[in-house]
Structure formats: C-alpha cells, structure tokens
Amino acid sequence: MTDATSPAPATVPLPETGWSPLEGRILVRISGPGTDKFLQGQFSQHLDEVVPGHSPRAAAATPKGRAYCLTRLVRDGGDILMDLDRETAEATLTQLRKYLMLFRGTSAEVLDEGQITGLLGSATAATLAGDLVAGLEAPGDSIAISGGFLIRVEPTADGISRFEFWQTGPSEIELDASEQRPETDWRASEIAAGIAALTEQTREAFVPQMLNWQHVGGVHFKKGCYTGQEVIARMHFLGQLKKSLYRARLDAATAPQPGTAILAGERSAGTVINALPLANNTCELLAVIRHDAADSELHVAGFESYSLALLPLPYKVPEREKSAPSDT
C-alpha cells in the first residue's frame, strides 16, 4: 500500500555524473585474530577471495538458508570492513555476535566516523583516484585511496558506471559540491542495477539466489561449510530455484512498501523487495517473482489499477530460461 513517508522522487533520467552521501548505510570493522575464521563460517563468500584489489559481495543467512544480511567485504590490513543498511544493522549485528563470542579477541564495531559515498560515472570517481580508476574494470575491483577505499560496483541497465567510496578516515580529497545528488538518486541506481537491499519486512524471507546474489558475485559455491550453506548449495546444484529478482516499472506516483505482494490475477506471484518513486510519476521496483508467473499480467497489491511492466537487468539470470542447466 501507499506510505505517507515515501521518499522524494528520484531524478528521471538518472544523472550520469555526481555523488551522493549514503546516510542509510553504515560501515563495520571486524578485527582480531579470529576475523577470517568467523566470517568464513557465517558468510557466503570465501575469505580467500577477499584480498587487496578485490572486494566481493556476500550474504549471511539463517540455518534455513534465508538471508538476513546482504553486504560487501573489503580487506583493510588484517581487518575486514563490511557495510550494513542502517535500518537493519542492529538486528544484523546482534545475530552475528551470537557467533562472534566464540572468537576471543575478535570484535565487530560500527565506524562512527565512517561514511559511504555513491559515485555516478567514471569522471566523478576520477576526482578521487585520478588515472587509477582505469584499473577498476569489473564490479568488486577496489583500490586504497586517501581516507579509504574506492570500489567499482555494478552499472545500471542503461550503462551508467557506478562506484562507492568507503571513507574510514580523514581524506585530502573534496568532491564538487555542485555535483551532489540526493540519496534517492543513488537508491534508484541500485534498483536499475538489480541490487537488492533487505528491510525489516524482507529479512529472513529469501535464499540469496532468489535475490540474484549469485549473479553479482555474492555467493561462492565451492567454499566449505557456513551457516545456511546446505540449503543454499542444494538449491544451486539441484536446480531448484523457482523464483528470482526482477526489475519492474509501476505506473503509480507512490511506491509500494517492501513486502507488498505481487499478484497474477488473485494469486500471489511474488514480493516487492525495494521500490522508489520517480519524478515522472512512476516508480521502479525490485521484486522476487515466480518464474512461472513472470509472463502473466502482474499487479501490485493495493495498486491493482496500475500496470506493472518488467524491465531489463544489467546481468543475465539463466535460471529463468527453460533450457537452463540443472547446476544453477
């Protein structure tokens, strides 16, 4: 349904340059002798892959394989940095610390002075890193720069390059104030890039593959055991994925809330994950939808008079193809 506190509409079309301070996300530092072993046992990413220059995505899941945290892991010396959505950070850290207490001398602490900035366009990123930006060729590529780390992230479906600056300390670099964009523009770029964010309504509701996390490098299927791994691996190797993340446009000026049902006729076909109003009186959203319902006429519960149209993602989801191999 609609929400009186819905955010301001995002710019249409999205700006190809600019930057946004991401107040909705925080940085956490995991440090101590058990850092890698702790994270290896809780996250879907192999810690051997988290090295200087490569900062992949990861998920943490319940024993039933349901994701309660979607993040990225960045190597900072002997420590690991991760980002959390501010809304769910306390619940996530509480859950993680149940396991962390087994690793004496290892901690997970919020960086009070930490700041994440979203950057649209390579030119904007070059103001921070100069010619070094050319070395960031693929999502997850990262470099240490003054004050923190610059990370290339997934582009939008329209091909807008995107980066994140994880600032962990004082920086000598200043961004052009005239290029600052509202955070809603960055959130719209996340939707356009097919990057899901969990909320209170959707935590512990979906296996990471249902959120396309394997297609943005967030699931390592050859690592050893971790919490939820049995369910996640079984879905992958037995080809049991029956629904996944879709991007869509809703011709309504107000965005539905996360957790709202997607309907095919009167039957439930999926769930809204993230949605954002746009300045042209439509909204874009990400939703987990059943593959066998994706070709049906779809509606959002509470918005039945408005049409819902599926939009392209910037990456392929082969599990949706009837001819897809069974090891997906």
C-alpha atoms as a PDB file:
ATOM      1  CA  MET A   1       0.000   0.000   0.000  1.00  0.00           C
ATOM      2  CA  THR A   2       0.994   3.631  -0.146  1.00  0.00           C
ATOM      3  CA  ASP A   3       3.108   5.294   2.513  1.00  0.00           C
ATOM      4  CA  ALA A   4       2.842   8.878   3.747  1.00  0.00           C
ATOM      5  CA  THR A   5       6.587   8.852   4.475  1.00  0.00           C
ATOM      6  CA  SER A   6       7.570   7.777   0.958  1.00  0.00           C
ATOM      7  CA  PRO A   7      10.897   9.352  -0.095  1.00  0.00           C
ATOM      8  CA  ALA A   8      11.146  12.215  -2.548  1.00  0.00           C
ATOM      9  CA  PRO A   9      11.083  11.086  -6.185  1.00  0.00           C
ATOM     10  CA  ALA A  10      14.358  10.245  -7.896  1.00  0.00           C
ATOM     11  CA  THR A  11      15.592  12.157 -10.934  1.00  0.00           C
ATOM     12  CA  VAL A  12      14.499  10.947 -14.395  1.00  0.00           C
ATOM     13  CA  PRO A  13      16.600  10.114 -16.272  1.00  0.00           C
ATOM     14  CA  LEU A  14      19.257   9.295 -13.709  1.00  0.00           C
ATOM     15  CA  PRO A  15      22.215  11.674 -13.831  1.00  0.00           C
ATOM     16  CA  GLU A  16      25.299  10.179 -15.461  1.00  0.00           C
ATOM     17  CA  THR A  17      27.640  12.031 -13.100  1.00  0.00           C
ATOM     18  CA  GLY A  18      27.504  13.114  -9.481  1.00  0.00           C
ATOM     19  CA  TRP A  19      27.792  11.803  -5.963  1.00  0.00           C
ATOM     20  CA  SER A  20      25.531  11.058  -3.010  1.00  0.00           C
ATOM     21  CA  PRO A  21      26.378  10.625   0.693  1.00  0.00           C
ATOM     22  CA  LEU A  22      24.668   7.373   1.672  1.00  0.00           C
ATOM     23  CA  GLU A  23      23.298   8.105   5.119  1.00  0.00           C
ATOM     24  CA  GLY A  24      21.180   4.957   5.018  1.00  0.00           C
ATOM     25  CA  ARG A  25      24.255   2.713   5.257  1.00  0.00           C
ATOM     26  CA  ILE A  26      26.985   2.284   7.859  1.00  0.00           C
ATOM     27  CA  LEU A  27      30.453   0.734   7.964  1.00  0.00           C
ATOM     28  CA  VAL A  28      31.502  -2.007  10.381  1.00  0.00           C
ATOM     29  CA  ARG A  29      35.060  -3.141  11.107  1.00  0.00           C
ATOM     30  CA  ILE A  30      35.721  -6.773  12.066  1.00  0.00           C
ATOM     31  CA  SER A  31      39.110  -7.125  13.707  1.00  0.00           C
ATOM     32  CA  GLY A  32      41.061  -9.544  15.849  1.00  0.00           C
ATOM     33  CA  PRO A  33      42.731 -12.944  15.477  1.00  0.00           C
ATOM     34  CA  GLY A  34      39.516 -14.767  14.548  1.00  0.00           C
ATOM     35  CA  THR A  35      38.342 -12.333  11.854  1.00  0.00           C
ATOM     36  CA  ASP A  36      38.655 -14.581   8.799  1.00  0.00           C
ATOM     37  CA  LYS A  37      37.559 -17.766  10.553  1.00  0.00           C
ATOM     38  CA  PHE A  38      34.480 -16.056  11.992  1.00  0.00           C
ATOM     39  CA  LEU A  39      33.414 -14.563   8.662  1.00  0.00           C
ATOM     40  CA  GLN A  40      34.196 -17.777   6.794  1.00  0.00           C
ATOM     41  CA  GLY A  41      31.688 -19.587   8.986  1.00  0.00           C
ATOM     42  CA  GLN A  42      28.901 -17.031   8.557  1.00  0.00           C
ATOM     43  CA  PHE A  43      29.061 -15.556   5.059  1.00  0.00           C
ATOM     44  CA  SER A  44      28.519 -16.943   1.575  1.00  0.00           C
ATOM     45  CA  GLN A  45      31.823 -15.509   0.311  1.00  0.00           C
ATOM     46  CA  HIS A  46      35.183 -17.292   0.559  1.00  0.00           C
ATOM     47  CA  LEU A  47      37.541 -15.135   2.647  1.00  0.00           C
ATOM     48  CA  ASP A  48      40.472 -16.204   0.466  1.00  0.00           C
ATOM     49  CA  GLU A  49      38.775 -14.190  -2.288  1.00  0.00           C
ATOM     50  CA  VAL A  50      38.642 -11.024  -0.142  1.00  0.00           C
ATOM     51  CA  VAL A  51      42.048  -9.549  -0.932  1.00  0.00           C
ATOM     52  CA  PRO A  52      43.515  -6.107  -1.634  1.00  0.00           C
ATOM     53  CA  GLY A  53      42.118  -5.104  -5.006  1.00  0.00           C
ATOM     54  CA  HIS A  54      39.048  -7.366  -4.836  1.00  0.00           C
ATOM     55  CA  SER A  55      36.091  -6.627  -2.561  1.00  0.00           C
ATOM     56  CA  PRO A  56      33.225  -9.023  -3.345  1.00  0.00           C
ATOM     57  CA  ARG A  57      29.643  -9.056  -2.124  1.00  0.00           C
ATOM     58  CA  ALA A  58      28.465 -11.606   0.448  1.00  0.00           C
ATOM     59  CA  ALA A  59      25.351 -12.727   2.317  1.00  0.00           C
ATOM     60  CA  ALA A  60      24.724 -14.069   5.808  1.00  0.00           C
ATOM     61  CA  ALA A  61      21.858 -16.485   6.276  1.00  0.00           C
ATOM     62  CA  THR A  62      19.922 -18.354   8.926  1.00  0.00           C
ATOM     63  CA  PRO A  63      20.366 -22.138   9.303  1.00  0.00           C
ATOM     64  CA  LYS A  64      17.398 -22.448   6.913  1.00  0.00           C
ATOM     65  CA  GLY A  65      19.363 -20.529   4.267  1.00  0.00           C
ATOM     66  CA  ARG A  66      17.292 -17.329   4.479  1.00  0.00           C
ATOM     67  CA  ALA A  67      19.368 -14.173   4.013  1.00  0.00           C
ATOM     68  CA  TYR A  68      19.329 -11.650   6.835  1.00  0.00           C
ATOM     69  CA  CYS A  69      22.310  -9.617   5.618  1.00  0.00           C
ATOM     70  CA  LEU A  70      23.497  -8.528   2.167  1.00  0.00           C
ATOM     71  CA  THR A  71      26.872  -6.812   2.255  1.00  0.00           C
ATOM     72  CA  ARG A  72      30.291  -6.363   0.704  1.00  0.00           C
ATOM     73  CA  LEU A  73      33.616  -7.386   2.283  1.00  0.00           C
ATOM     74  CA  VAL A  74      36.718  -5.179   1.975  1.00  0.00           C
ATOM     75  CA  ARG A  75      40.190  -6.197   3.171  1.00  0.00           C
ATOM     76  CA  ASP A  76      41.875  -3.473   5.273  1.00  0.00           C
ATOM     77  CA  GLY A  77      45.163  -4.872   6.513  1.00  0.00           C
ATOM     78  CA  GLY A  78      44.298  -7.653   8.939  1.00  0.00           C
ATOM     79  CA  ASP A  79      40.733  -6.367   9.322  1.00  0.00           C
ATOM     80  CA  ILE A  80      37.618  -6.723   7.201  1.00  0.00           C
ATOM     81  CA  LEU A  81      35.195  -3.884   6.518  1.00  0.00           C
ATOM     82  CA  MET A  82      31.547  -4.528   5.700  1.00  0.00           C
ATOM     83  CA  ASP A  83      28.556  -2.289   5.035  1.00  0.00           C
ATOM     84  CA  LEU A  84      25.111  -2.622   6.590  1.00  0.00           C
ATOM     85  CA  ASP A  85      21.799  -0.914   5.989  1.00  0.00           C
ATOM     86  CA  ARG A  86      21.212   1.384   8.925  1.00  0.00           C
ATOM     87  CA  GLU A  87      17.614   0.204   9.354  1.00  0.00           C
ATOM     88  CA  THR A  88      18.572  -3.425   9.975  1.00  0.00           C
ATOM     89  CA  ALA A  89      22.125  -3.003  11.304  1.00  0.00           C
ATOM     90  CA  GLU A  90      21.332  -3.535  14.984  1.00  0.00           C
ATOM     91  CA  ALA A  91      19.430  -6.763  14.319  1.00  0.00           C
ATOM     92  CA  THR A  92      22.175  -7.988  11.991  1.00  0.00           C
ATOM     93  CA  LEU A  93      24.982  -7.285  14.460  1.00  0.00           C
ATOM     94  CA  THR A  94      23.024  -8.919  17.284  1.00  0.00           C
ATOM     95  CA  GLN A  95      22.680 -12.078  15.193  1.00  0.00           C
ATOM     96  CA  LEU A  96      26.331 -12.088  14.126  1.00  0.00           C
ATOM     97  CA  ARG A  97      27.627 -11.513  17.648  1.00  0.00           C
ATOM     98  CA  LYS A  98      26.000 -14.756  18.800  1.00  0.00           C
ATOM     99  CA  TYR A  99      28.713 -16.479  16.774  1.00  0.00           C
ATOM    100  CA  LEU A 100      31.396 -13.840  17.269  1.00  0.00           C
ATOM    101  CA  MET A 101      31.508 -14.506  21.006  1.00  0.00           C
ATOM    102  CA  LEU A 102      33.173 -17.846  20.196  1.00  0.00           C
ATOM    103  CA  PHE A 103      36.226 -15.986  18.844  1.00  0.00           C
ATOM    104  CA  ARG A 104      38.057 -14.431  21.763  1.00  0.00           C
ATOM    105  CA  GLY A 105      39.647 -11.087  20.993  1.00  0.00           C
ATOM    106  CA  THR A 106      37.658 -10.562  17.793  1.00  0.00           C
ATOM    107  CA  SER A 107      35.121  -7.760  17.507  1.00  0.00           C
ATOM    108  CA  ALA A 108      32.656  -6.140  15.112  1.00  0.00           C
ATOM    109  CA  GLU A 109      32.352  -2.416  15.734  1.00  0.00           C
ATOM    110  CA  VAL A 110      30.491   0.326  13.896  1.00  0.00           C
ATOM    111  CA  LEU A 111      32.796   3.013  12.496  1.00  0.00           C
ATOM    112  CA  ASP A 112      31.181   6.143  13.917  1.00  0.00           C
ATOM    113  CA  GLU A 113      33.230   8.333  11.574  1.00  0.00           C
ATOM    114  CA  GLY A 114      32.791   6.022   8.595  1.00  0.00           C
ATOM    115  CA  GLN A 115      30.931   7.247   5.533  1.00  0.00           C
ATOM    116  CA  ILE A 116      29.899   5.650   2.232  1.00  0.00           C
ATOM    117  CA  THR A 117      29.522   7.864  -0.821  1.00  0.00           C
ATOM    118  CA  GLY A 118      27.911   6.663  -4.038  1.00  0.00           C
ATOM    119  CA  LEU A 119      29.520   7.913  -7.251  1.00  0.00           C
ATOM    120  CA  LEU A 120      27.816   8.041 -10.640  1.00  0.00           C
ATOM    121  CA  GLY A 121      30.115   7.996 -13.653  1.00  0.00           C
ATOM    122  CA  SER A 122      33.814   7.300 -14.077  1.00  0.00           C
ATOM    123  CA  ALA A 123      34.566  11.032 -14.265  1.00  0.00           C
ATOM    124  CA  THR A 124      33.240  11.505 -10.745  1.00  0.00           C
ATOM    125  CA  ALA A 125      35.332   8.588  -9.480  1.00  0.00           C
ATOM    126  CA  ALA A 126      38.394  10.052 -11.200  1.00  0.00           C
ATOM    127  CA  THR A 127      38.166  13.126  -8.952  1.00  0.00           C
ATOM    128  CA  LEU A 128      39.028  10.759  -6.095  1.00  0.00           C
ATOM    129  CA  ALA A 129      41.507   8.393  -7.733  1.00  0.00           C
ATOM    130  CA  GLY A 130      42.705  10.028 -10.932  1.00  0.00           C
ATOM    131  CA  ASP A 131      44.013   7.653 -13.592  1.00  0.00           C
ATOM    132  CA  LEU A 132      43.828   4.728 -11.142  1.00  0.00           C
ATOM    133  CA  VAL A 133      40.117   4.483 -11.932  1.00  0.00           C
ATOM    134  CA  ALA A 134      41.053   2.850 -15.244  1.00  0.00           C
ATOM    135  CA  GLY A 135      42.306  -0.159 -13.272  1.00  0.00           C
ATOM    136  CA  LEU A 136      38.863  -0.746 -11.782  1.00  0.00           C
ATOM    137  CA  GLU A 137      37.487  -2.768 -14.657  1.00  0.00           C
ATOM    138  CA  ALA A 138      34.878  -5.054 -13.082  1.00  0.00           C
ATOM    139  CA  PRO A 139      32.404  -4.864 -10.189  1.00  0.00           C
ATOM    140  CA  GLY A 140      34.235  -5.655  -6.961  1.00  0.00           C
ATOM    141  CA  ASP A 141      37.565  -4.234  -8.143  1.00  0.00           C
ATOM    142  CA  SER A 142      38.866  -1.829  -5.478  1.00  0.00           C
ATOM    143  CA  ILE A 143      41.829   0.364  -4.598  1.00  0.00           C
ATOM    144  CA  ALA A 144      43.018   2.063  -1.430  1.00  0.00           C
ATOM    145  CA  ILE A 145      42.976   5.860  -1.755  1.00  0.00           C
ATOM    146  CA  SER A 146      43.316   8.776   0.633  1.00  0.00           C
ATOM    147  CA  GLY A 147      40.913   8.189   3.505  1.00  0.00           C
ATOM    148  CA  GLY A 148      39.564   4.794   2.499  1.00  0.00           C
ATOM    149  CA  PHE A 149      38.688   2.581  -0.463  1.00  0.00           C
ATOM    150  CA  LEU A 150      37.207   3.161  -3.909  1.00  0.00           C
ATOM    151  CA  ILE A 151      35.159   0.225  -5.220  1.00  0.00           C
ATOM    152  CA  ARG A 152      33.627  -0.295  -8.642  1.00  0.00           C
ATOM    153  CA  VAL A 153      30.065  -1.626  -8.309  1.00  0.00           C
ATOM    154  CA  GLU A 154      27.527  -2.881 -10.833  1.00  0.00           C
ATOM    155  CA  PRO A 155      26.402  -0.478 -13.606  1.00  0.00           C
ATOM    156  CA  THR A 156      22.781   0.370 -14.247  1.00  0.00           C
ATOM    157  CA  ALA A 157      20.887  -1.373 -17.025  1.00  0.00           C
ATOM    158  CA  ASP A 158      21.391   1.803 -19.088  1.00  0.00           C
ATOM    159  CA  GLY A 159      25.153   1.525 -18.695  1.00  0.00           C
ATOM    160  CA  ILE A 160      25.871   4.230 -16.119  1.00  0.00           C
ATOM    161  CA  SER A 161      29.141   3.373 -14.357  1.00  0.00           C
ATOM    162  CA  ARG A 162      28.943   3.363 -10.568  1.00  0.00           C
ATOM    163  CA  PHE A 163      31.469   3.383  -7.724  1.00  0.00           C
ATOM    164  CA  GLU A 164      31.449   3.606  -3.925  1.00  0.00           C
ATOM    165  CA  PHE A 165      33.916   5.458  -1.719  1.00  0.00           C
ATOM    166  CA  TRP A 166      34.200   3.818   1.707  1.00  0.00           C
ATOM    167  CA  GLN A 167      35.741   6.539   3.833  1.00  0.00           C
ATOM    168  CA  THR A 168      37.321   5.230   7.021  1.00  0.00           C
ATOM    169  CA  GLY A 169      39.434   8.250   7.963  1.00  0.00           C
ATOM    170  CA  PRO A 170      40.336  11.825   7.015  1.00  0.00           C
ATOM    171  CA  SER A 171      40.626  12.413   3.273  1.00  0.00           C
ATOM    172  CA  GLU A 172      42.510  15.145   1.445  1.00  0.00           C
ATOM    173  CA  ILE A 173      40.097  14.922  -1.480  1.00  0.00           C
ATOM    174  CA  GLU A 174      36.952  17.036  -1.789  1.00  0.00           C
ATOM    175  CA  LEU A 175      34.127  16.397  -4.223  1.00  0.00           C
ATOM    176  CA  ASP A 176      32.490  19.194  -6.209  1.00  0.00           C
ATOM    177  CA  ALA A 177      29.509  20.379  -4.144  1.00  0.00           C
ATOM    178  CA  SER A 178      27.609  21.313  -7.309  1.00  0.00           C
ATOM    179  CA  GLU A 179      27.649  17.634  -8.311  1.00  0.00           C
ATOM    180  CA  GLN A 180      25.926  16.370  -5.156  1.00  0.00           C
ATOM    181  CA  ARG A 181      22.767  14.345  -5.843  1.00  0.00           C
ATOM    182  CA  PRO A 182      20.029  13.252  -3.436  1.00  0.00           C
ATOM    183  CA  GLU A 183      20.438   9.815  -1.893  1.00  0.00           C
ATOM    184  CA  THR A 184      17.226   8.761  -3.652  1.00  0.00           C
ATOM    185  CA  ASP A 185      19.070   9.056  -6.980  1.00  0.00           C
ATOM    186  CA  TRP A 186      21.633   6.531  -5.763  1.00  0.00           C
ATOM    187  CA  ARG A 187      18.895   4.242  -4.487  1.00  0.00           C
ATOM    188  CA  ALA A 188      17.232   4.453  -7.895  1.00  0.00           C
ATOM    189  CA  SER A 189      20.556   3.486  -9.473  1.00  0.00           C
ATOM    190  CA  GLU A 190      20.687   0.439  -7.177  1.00  0.00           C
ATOM    191  CA  ILE A 191      17.296  -0.662  -8.461  1.00  0.00           C
ATOM    192  CA  ALA A 192      18.397  -0.004 -12.050  1.00  0.00           C
ATOM    193  CA  ALA A 193      21.483  -2.144 -11.363  1.00  0.00           C
ATOM    194  CA  GLY A 194      19.426  -5.002  -9.898  1.00  0.00           C
ATOM    195  CA  ILE A 195      20.967  -4.771  -6.419  1.00  0.00           C
ATOM    196  CA  ALA A 196      18.539  -5.777  -3.669  1.00  0.00           C
ATOM    197  CA  ALA A 197      18.527  -4.324  -0.161  1.00  0.00           C
ATOM    198  CA  LEU A 198      16.848  -6.118   2.717  1.00  0.00           C
ATOM    199  CA  THR A 199      14.425  -4.357   5.058  1.00  0.00           C
ATOM    200  CA  GLU A 200      12.644  -5.362   8.244  1.00  0.00           C
ATOM    201  CA  GLN A 201       9.823  -6.696   6.071  1.00  0.00           C
ATOM    202  CA  THR A 202      12.052  -8.919   3.939  1.00  0.00           C
ATOM    203  CA  ARG A 203      14.862 -10.109   6.245  1.00  0.00           C
ATOM    204  CA  GLU A 204      14.994 -13.913   6.558  1.00  0.00           C
ATOM    205  CA  ALA A 205      12.429 -14.351   3.779  1.00  0.00           C
ATOM    206  CA  PHE A 206      14.575 -15.368   0.799  1.00  0.00           C
ATOM    207  CA  VAL A 207      17.504 -17.598  -0.070  1.00  0.00           C
ATOM    208  CA  PRO A 208      20.303 -15.394  -1.522  1.00  0.00           C
ATOM    209  CA  GLN A 209      19.813 -16.832  -5.027  1.00  0.00           C
ATOM    210  CA  MET A 210      16.217 -15.567  -5.037  1.00  0.00           C
ATOM    211  CA  LEU A 211      17.758 -12.084  -4.731  1.00  0.00           C
ATOM    212  CA  ASN A 212      20.149 -12.773  -7.668  1.00  0.00           C
ATOM    213  CA  TRP A 213      23.071 -12.562  -5.239  1.00  0.00           C
ATOM    214  CA  GLN A 214      24.989 -15.266  -7.131  1.00  0.00           C
ATOM    215  CA  HIS A 215      24.861 -13.102 -10.267  1.00  0.00           C
ATOM    216  CA  VAL A 216      26.525 -10.133  -8.561  1.00  0.00           C
ATOM    217  CA  GLY A 217      29.355 -12.264  -7.172  1.00  0.00           C
ATOM    218  CA  GLY A 218      27.931 -12.677  -3.690  1.00  0.00           C
ATOM    219  CA  VAL A 219      27.808 -16.495  -3.351  1.00  0.00           C
ATOM    220  CA  HIS A 220      30.868 -18.756  -3.540  1.00  0.00           C
ATOM    221  CA  PHE A 221      29.614 -22.259  -4.258  1.00  0.00           C
ATOM    222  CA  LYS A 222      32.966 -24.026  -3.765  1.00  0.00           C
ATOM    223  CA  LYS A 223      33.755 -22.878  -0.220  1.00  0.00           C
ATOM    224  CA  GLY A 224      33.239 -25.051   2.842  1.00  0.00           C
ATOM    225  CA  CYS A 225      30.516 -25.064   5.427  1.00  0.00           C
ATOM    226  CA  TYR A 226      28.868 -21.902   6.722  1.00  0.00           C
ATOM    227  CA  THR A 227      25.525 -21.193   8.362  1.00  0.00           C
ATOM    228  CA  GLY A 228      22.776 -21.869   5.808  1.00  0.00           C
ATOM    229  CA  GLN A 229      25.205 -23.353   3.271  1.00  0.00           C
ATOM    230  CA  GLU A 230      23.425 -26.698   2.940  1.00  0.00           C
ATOM    231  CA  VAL A 231      20.180 -25.102   1.752  1.00  0.00           C
ATOM    232  CA  ILE A 232      21.950 -22.576  -0.479  1.00  0.00           C
ATOM    233  CA  ALA A 233      24.167 -25.226  -2.109  1.00  0.00           C
ATOM    234  CA  ARG A 234      21.300 -27.669  -2.604  1.00  0.00           C
ATOM    235  CA  MET A 235      19.245 -25.046  -4.426  1.00  0.00           C
ATOM    236  CA  HIS A 236      22.226 -24.325  -6.682  1.00  0.00           C
ATOM    237  CA  PHE A 237      23.354 -27.834  -7.539  1.00  0.00           C
ATOM    238  CA  LEU A 238      19.890 -29.390  -7.845  1.00  0.00           C
ATOM    239  CA  GLY A 239      18.453 -26.571  -9.954  1.00  0.00           C
ATOM    240  CA  GLN A 240      15.613 -25.861  -7.527  1.00  0.00           C
ATOM    241  CA  LEU A 241      15.421 -22.091  -7.947  1.00  0.00           C
ATOM    242  CA  LYS A 242      11.813 -21.312  -8.885  1.00  0.00           C
ATOM    243  CA  LYS A 243      11.775 -17.544  -8.334  1.00  0.00           C
ATOM    244  CA  SER A 244      14.259 -14.720  -8.578  1.00  0.00           C
ATOM    245  CA  LEU A 245      14.690 -10.951  -8.557  1.00  0.00           C
ATOM    246  CA  TYR A 246      13.040  -8.910 -11.321  1.00  0.00           C
ATOM    247  CA  ARG A 247      13.117  -5.191 -12.049  1.00  0.00           C
ATOM    248  CA  ALA A 248       9.824  -3.543 -12.949  1.00  0.00           C
ATOM    249  CA  ARG A 249       8.078  -0.230 -13.565  1.00  0.00           C
ATOM    250  CA  LEU A 250       4.787   0.622 -11.853  1.00  0.00           C
ATOM    251  CA  ASP A 251       2.715   3.433 -13.355  1.00  0.00           C
ATOM    252  CA  ALA A 252       1.901   4.928  -9.972  1.00  0.00           C
ATOM    253  CA  ALA A 253       3.277   8.084  -8.381  1.00  0.00           C
ATOM    254  CA  THR A 254       3.664   6.429  -4.974  1.00  0.00           C
ATOM    255  CA  ALA A 255       5.878   3.406  -4.381  1.00  0.00           C
ATOM    256  CA  PRO A 256       4.633   0.245  -2.636  1.00  0.00           C
ATOM    257  CA  GLN A 257       6.266  -0.802   0.591  1.00  0.00           C
ATOM    258  CA  PRO A 258       8.764  -3.698   0.795  1.00  0.00           C
ATOM    259  CA  GLY A 259       6.937  -6.922   1.491  1.00  0.00           C
ATOM    260  CA  THR A 260       3.888  -5.961  -0.605  1.00  0.00           C
ATOM    261  CA  ALA A 261       2.528  -8.857  -2.648  1.00  0.00           C
ATOM    262  CA  ILE A 262       2.854  -9.126  -6.423  1.00  0.00           C
ATOM    263  CA  LEU A 263      -0.303 -10.692  -7.895  1.00  0.00           C
ATOM    264  CA  ALA A 264      -1.076 -12.689 -11.018  1.00  0.00           C
ATOM    265  CA  GLY A 265      -4.837 -12.433 -11.073  1.00  0.00           C
ATOM    266  CA  GLU A 266      -5.836 -13.195  -7.498  1.00  0.00           C
ATOM    267  CA  ARG A 267      -2.860 -15.458  -6.824  1.00  0.00           C
ATOM    268  CA  SER A 268       0.338 -14.374  -5.135  1.00  0.00           C
ATOM    269  CA  ALA A 269       3.205 -14.339  -7.622  1.00  0.00           C
ATOM    270  CA  GLY A 270       5.928 -12.564  -5.686  1.00  0.00           C
ATOM    271  CA  THR A 271       7.021  -9.909  -3.206  1.00  0.00           C
ATOM    272  CA  VAL A 272       8.247  -6.333  -3.522  1.00  0.00           C
ATOM    273  CA  ILE A 273      11.813  -6.007  -2.214  1.00  0.00           C
ATOM    274  CA  ASN A 274      12.615  -2.339  -2.894  1.00  0.00           C
ATOM    275  CA  ALA A 275      10.627   0.414  -4.618  1.00  0.00           C
ATOM    276  CA  LEU A 276      11.167   4.098  -5.242  1.00  0.00           C
ATOM    277  CA  PRO A 277       9.036   6.852  -6.811  1.00  0.00           C
ATOM    278  CA  LEU A 278      10.439   8.689  -9.821  1.00  0.00           C
ATOM    279  CA  ALA A 279       9.984  12.293 -10.876  1.00  0.00           C
ATOM    280  CA  ASN A 280       7.844  11.275 -13.894  1.00  0.00           C
ATOM    281  CA  ASN A 281       5.051   9.988 -11.604  1.00  0.00           C
ATOM    282  CA  THR A 282       6.009   6.335 -11.999  1.00  0.00           C
ATOM    283  CA  CYS A 283       8.118   4.162  -9.750  1.00  0.00           C
ATOM    284  CA  GLU A 284      10.682   1.433 -10.243  1.00  0.00           C
ATOM    285  CA  LEU A 285      10.954  -1.621  -8.072  1.00  0.00           C
ATOM    286  CA  LEU A 286      12.741  -4.873  -7.488  1.00  0.00           C
ATOM    287  CA  ALA A 287      10.587  -7.886  -6.677  1.00  0.00           C
ATOM    288  CA  VAL A 288      11.105 -11.598  -6.196  1.00  0.00           C
ATOM    289  CA  ILE A 289       8.710 -13.208  -8.674  1.00  0.00           C
ATOM    290  CA  ARG A 290       7.937 -16.836  -9.526  1.00  0.00           C
ATOM    291  CA  HIS A 291       9.406 -17.777 -12.884  1.00  0.00           C
ATOM    292  CA  ASP A 292       6.184 -19.485 -13.966  1.00  0.00           C
ATOM    293  CA  ALA A 293       4.236 -16.266 -13.325  1.00  0.00           C
ATOM    294  CA  ALA A 294       6.611 -13.766 -14.923  1.00  0.00           C
ATOM    295  CA  ASP A 295       4.826 -13.892 -18.296  1.00  0.00           C
ATOM    296  CA  SER A 296       1.414 -13.294 -16.690  1.00  0.00           C
ATOM    297  CA  GLU A 297      -0.322  -9.954 -16.286  1.00  0.00           C
ATOM    298  CA  LEU A 298       1.076  -8.801 -12.961  1.00  0.00           C
ATOM    299  CA  HIS A 299      -0.172  -6.254 -10.428  1.00  0.00           C
ATOM    300  CA  VAL A 300       0.941  -4.966  -7.049  1.00  0.00           C
ATOM    301  CA  ALA A 301      -1.458  -5.488  -4.150  1.00  0.00           C
ATOM    302  CA  GLY A 302      -3.152  -2.183  -3.377  1.00  0.00           C
ATOM    303  CA  PHE A 303      -2.198  -0.829  -6.805  1.00  0.00           C
ATOM    304  CA  GLU A 304      -4.419  -3.072  -8.958  1.00  0.00           C
ATOM    305  CA  SER A 305      -5.479  -0.217 -11.249  1.00  0.00           C
ATOM    306  CA  TYR A 306      -1.865   0.474 -12.220  1.00  0.00           C
ATOM    307  CA  SER A 307       0.071  -1.565 -14.752  1.00  0.00           C
ATOM    308  CA  LEU A 308       3.329  -3.344 -13.869  1.00  0.00           C
ATOM    309  CA  ALA A 309       5.901  -3.878 -16.621  1.00  0.00           C
ATOM    310  CA  LEU A 310       9.109  -5.892 -16.299  1.00  0.00           C
ATOM    311  CA  LEU A 311      12.339  -4.093 -17.192  1.00  0.00           C
ATOM    312  CA  PRO A 312      15.784  -5.418 -18.165  1.00  0.00           C
ATOM    313  CA  LEU A 313      18.571  -6.049 -15.688  1.00  0.00           C
ATOM    314  CA  PRO A 314      22.240  -5.367 -16.471  1.00  0.00           C
ATOM    315  CA  TYR A 315      23.124  -9.034 -15.924  1.00  0.00           C
ATOM    316  CA  LYS A 316      21.730 -12.361 -17.066  1.00  0.00           C
ATOM    317  CA  VAL A 317      19.656 -14.703 -14.879  1.00  0.00           C
ATOM    318  CA  PRO A 318      19.961 -18.066 -16.684  1.00  0.00           C
ATOM    319  CA  GLU A 319      17.790 -19.872 -14.134  1.00  0.00           C
ATOM    320  CA  ARG A 320      14.775 -18.247 -15.765  1.00  0.00           C
ATOM    321  CA  GLU A 321      15.407 -19.992 -19.062  1.00  0.00           C
ATOM    322  CA  LYS A 322      13.616 -23.299 -19.503  1.00  0.00           C
ATOM    323  CA  SER A 323      16.762 -24.710 -21.081  1.00  0.00           C
ATOM    324  CA  ALA A 324      18.989 -23.688 -18.196  1.00  0.00           C
ATOM    325  CA  PRO A 325      21.348 -26.422 -16.928  1.00  0.00           C
ATOM    326  CA  SER A 326      20.497 -28.179 -13.689  1.00  0.00           C
ATOM    327  CA  ASP A 327      23.525 -26.863 -11.775  1.00  0.00           C
ATOM    328  CA  THR A 328      22.052 -23.373 -11.301  1.00  0.00           C
END
